[in-house]
């Protein structure tokens, strides 16, 4: 993918391929019929954004916890179970060219593990990368990214303020 422009949802869908994308969306639509198809498609997009970030920015994000909602984690689980397609996604289509391994941990548990200050520092490392790759967070992204929603709803930062956050160096 050409760099220097933000990646659209269609760019990410192309990484997954039409057939697998449709399968994933349909699977999660069937599991949650009360949720709109657009919302499920956005969940898949945010999962792919997560995987893209981890792949493209391995040095900056390696070992970091990027707090996504449980639904995004479940989509990632589903993709992993499609082993051949997931391996091809990671090793052939994502920019890092390596298998993105999975580890689940609840955000509340993570805050206790390294502490709130480190959790915030780590968030401030990946949020600017997200904005650089995909453009600023919008209202549609908020339900899927725990810390961004916290910064917006609890701390009162506008989406523009969040987009303007500067990266912090690793501690």
Protein backbone atom coordinates (compact mmCIF):
# COMPACT_ATOMS: atom_id res chain seq x y z
CA UNK A 1 0.00 0.00 0.00
CA UNK A 2 1.29 3.43 -0.84
CA UNK A 3 2.37 5.38 2.19
CA UNK A 4 1.87 9.10 2.56
CA UNK A 5 -1.93 8.92 2.63
CA UNK A 6 -4.30 7.61 5.22
CA UNK A 7 -5.68 4.11 4.77
CA UNK A 8 -9.40 3.82 4.16
CA UNK A 9 -11.75 1.10 5.32
CA UNK A 10 -11.73 -0.19 1.73
CA UNK A 11 -7.91 -0.42 1.76
CA UNK A 12 -8.13 -2.57 4.88
CA UNK A 13 -10.96 -4.65 3.46
CA UNK A 14 -8.71 -5.35 0.45
CA UNK A 15 -6.02 -6.66 2.81
CA UNK A 16 -8.49 -9.18 4.18
CA UNK A 17 -10.10 -9.94 0.84
CA UNK A 18 -13.76 -9.68 -0.08
CA UNK A 19 -14.69 -13.29 0.72
CA UNK A 20 -13.14 -13.42 4.20
CA UNK A 21 -14.34 -9.91 5.02
CA UNK A 22 -17.90 -10.86 4.09
CA UNK A 23 -17.61 -14.09 6.11
CA UNK A 24 -16.39 -12.29 9.24
CA UNK A 25 -19.05 -9.59 9.00
CA UNK A 26 -21.78 -12.17 8.46
CA UNK A 27 -20.57 -14.33 11.36
CA UNK A 28 -20.69 -11.43 13.81
CA UNK A 29 -23.92 -10.07 12.35
CA UNK A 30 -25.52 -13.48 12.96
CA UNK A 31 -24.24 -13.48 16.56
CA UNK A 32 -25.60 -10.00 17.27
CA UNK A 33 -28.68 -9.47 15.09
CA UNK A 34 -29.70 -6.43 17.15
CA UNK A 35 -26.53 -4.61 16.05
CA UNK A 36 -26.53 -2.87 12.67
CA UNK A 37 -24.47 -4.29 9.82
CA UNK A 38 -22.65 -0.95 9.54
CA UNK A 39 -21.59 -1.24 13.19
CA UNK A 40 -20.29 -4.79 12.65
CA UNK A 41 -18.40 -3.66 9.55
CA UNK A 42 -16.85 -0.87 11.62
CA UNK A 43 -15.81 -3.43 14.25
CA UNK A 44 -14.02 -5.42 11.55
CA UNK A 45 -12.38 -2.24 10.24
CA UNK A 46 -11.12 -1.29 13.70
CA UNK A 47 -9.77 -4.81 14.23
CA UNK A 48 -7.88 -4.53 10.94
CA UNK A 49 -6.61 -1.09 11.97
CA UNK A 50 -5.31 -2.62 15.17
CA UNK A 51 -3.52 -5.41 13.28
CA UNK A 52 -2.14 -2.94 10.73
CA UNK A 53 -0.73 -0.68 13.47
CA UNK A 54 0.91 -3.55 15.32
CA UNK A 55 2.40 -4.84 12.07
CA UNK A 56 3.60 -1.53 10.63
CA UNK A 57 4.95 -0.09 13.88
CA UNK A 58 6.46 -3.18 15.45
CA UNK A 59 9.36 -1.34 17.09
CA UNK A 60 7.17 1.31 18.71
CA UNK A 61 4.29 -0.97 19.67
CA UNK A 62 5.91 -4.31 20.39
CA UNK A 63 4.64 -5.62 23.69
CA UNK A 64 2.24 -2.74 24.23
CA UNK A 65 -1.35 -3.15 25.22
CA UNK A 66 -3.66 -1.37 22.80
CA UNK A 67 -7.02 -1.29 24.56
CA UNK A 68 -9.75 -2.35 22.17
CA UNK A 69 -13.15 -3.53 23.20
CA UNK A 70 -13.94 -7.21 23.69
CA UNK A 71 -15.88 -7.37 20.40
CA UNK A 72 -12.74 -6.39 18.48
CA UNK A 73 -10.75 -9.03 20.33
CA UNK A 74 -13.37 -11.62 19.40
CA UNK A 75 -13.07 -10.68 15.73
CA UNK A 76 -9.31 -11.13 16.03
CA UNK A 77 -9.90 -14.57 17.59
CA UNK A 78 -12.15 -15.49 14.69
CA UNK A 79 -9.50 -14.42 12.18
CA UNK A 80 -6.83 -16.45 13.97
CA UNK A 81 -9.01 -19.55 13.68
CA UNK A 82 -8.91 -19.11 9.89
CA UNK A 83 -5.27 -20.12 10.20
CA UNK A 84 -4.20 -20.14 6.55
CA UNK A 85 -5.89 -16.83 5.76
CA UNK A 86 -4.68 -15.22 8.99
CA UNK A 87 -1.08 -16.28 8.35
CA UNK A 88 -1.29 -14.91 4.80
CA UNK A 89 -2.78 -11.64 6.10
CA UNK A 90 0.01 -11.22 8.63
CA UNK A 91 2.98 -12.40 6.60
CA UNK A 92 2.02 -11.36 3.07
CA UNK A 93 -0.42 -8.43 3.19
CA UNK A 94 0.20 -6.49 6.40
CA UNK A 95 3.22 -4.18 6.12
CA UNK A 96 5.39 -5.81 8.80
CA UNK A 97 5.42 -9.24 7.19
CA UNK A 98 5.32 -11.16 10.49
CA UNK A 99 2.76 -13.26 12.34
CA UNK A 100 0.90 -11.04 14.82
CA UNK A 101 0.54 -13.08 17.99
CA UNK A 102 -2.39 -12.73 20.33
CA UNK A 103 -2.67 -12.22 24.06
CA UNK A 104 -5.93 -11.29 25.79
CA UNK A 105 -6.03 -9.21 28.93
CA UNK A 106 -8.81 -7.01 30.25
CA UNK A 107 -8.09 -3.29 30.38
CA UNK A 108 -8.81 -3.16 34.11
CA UNK A 109 -6.33 -6.00 34.71
CA UNK A 110 -3.75 -4.29 32.52
CA UNK A 111 -4.04 -1.03 34.47
CA UNK A 112 -3.20 -2.95 37.64
CA UNK A 113 -0.28 -4.79 36.03
CA UNK A 114 1.96 -1.89 34.91
CA UNK A 115 0.01 0.90 36.60
CA UNK A 116 -2.11 3.71 35.23
CA UNK A 117 0.82 5.98 34.37
CA UNK A 118 2.43 3.38 32.13
CA UNK A 119 -0.95 2.53 30.55
CA UNK A 120 -1.38 6.23 29.70
CA UNK A 121 2.18 6.52 28.37
CA UNK A 122 1.60 3.51 26.14
CA UNK A 123 -1.69 4.95 24.88
CA UNK A 124 0.08 8.17 24.01
CA UNK A 125 2.52 6.14 21.94
CA UNK A 126 -0.05 4.51 19.66
CA UNK A 127 -2.77 7.15 19.34
CA UNK A 128 -0.63 9.45 17.13
CA UNK A 129 0.33 6.45 14.99
CA UNK A 130 -3.35 5.58 14.51
CA UNK A 131 -4.13 9.16 13.46
CA UNK A 132 -1.18 9.24 11.05
CA UNK A 133 -2.21 5.96 9.38
CA UNK A 134 -6.02 6.34 9.34
CA UNK A 135 -6.79 9.97 10.05
CA UNK A 136 -8.29 11.31 13.27
CA UNK A 137 -10.64 9.26 15.38
CA UNK A 138 -14.27 9.90 14.60
CA UNK A 139 -17.46 9.19 16.54
CA UNK A 140 -17.69 5.79 14.86
CA UNK A 141 -14.34 4.71 16.31
CA UNK A 142 -15.15 5.62 19.92
CA UNK A 143 -17.13 2.47 20.81
CA UNK A 144 -14.14 0.32 19.82
CA UNK A 145 -11.13 1.97 21.50
CA UNK A 146 -11.34 2.06 25.29
CA UNK A 147 -8.73 4.73 26.04
CA UNK A 148 -9.85 7.06 23.26
CA UNK A 149 -13.42 6.92 24.54
CA UNK A 150 -12.11 7.57 28.08
CA UNK A 151 -10.10 10.60 26.92
CA UNK A 152 -13.11 11.95 25.03
CA UNK A 153 -15.96 11.22 27.44
CA UNK A 154 -14.31 11.30 30.86
CA UNK A 155 -11.41 13.69 30.33
CA UNK A 156 -13.30 16.04 28.01
CA UNK A 157 -10.81 16.01 25.14
CA UNK A 158 -12.32 16.72 21.77
CA UNK A 159 -11.59 14.33 18.92
CA UNK A 160 -9.45 17.12 17.45
CA UNK A 161 -7.48 17.36 20.73
CA UNK A 162 -6.95 13.59 20.67
CA UNK A 163 -5.76 13.76 17.05
CA UNK A 164 -3.25 16.45 18.08
CA UNK A 165 -1.67 14.39 20.86
CA UNK A 166 2.07 14.14 20.39
CA UNK A 167 3.86 10.82 20.60
CA UNK A 168 5.81 10.13 23.76
CA UNK A 169 9.02 8.18 23.88
CA UNK A 170 9.13 4.79 25.51
CA UNK A 171 9.99 4.88 29.18
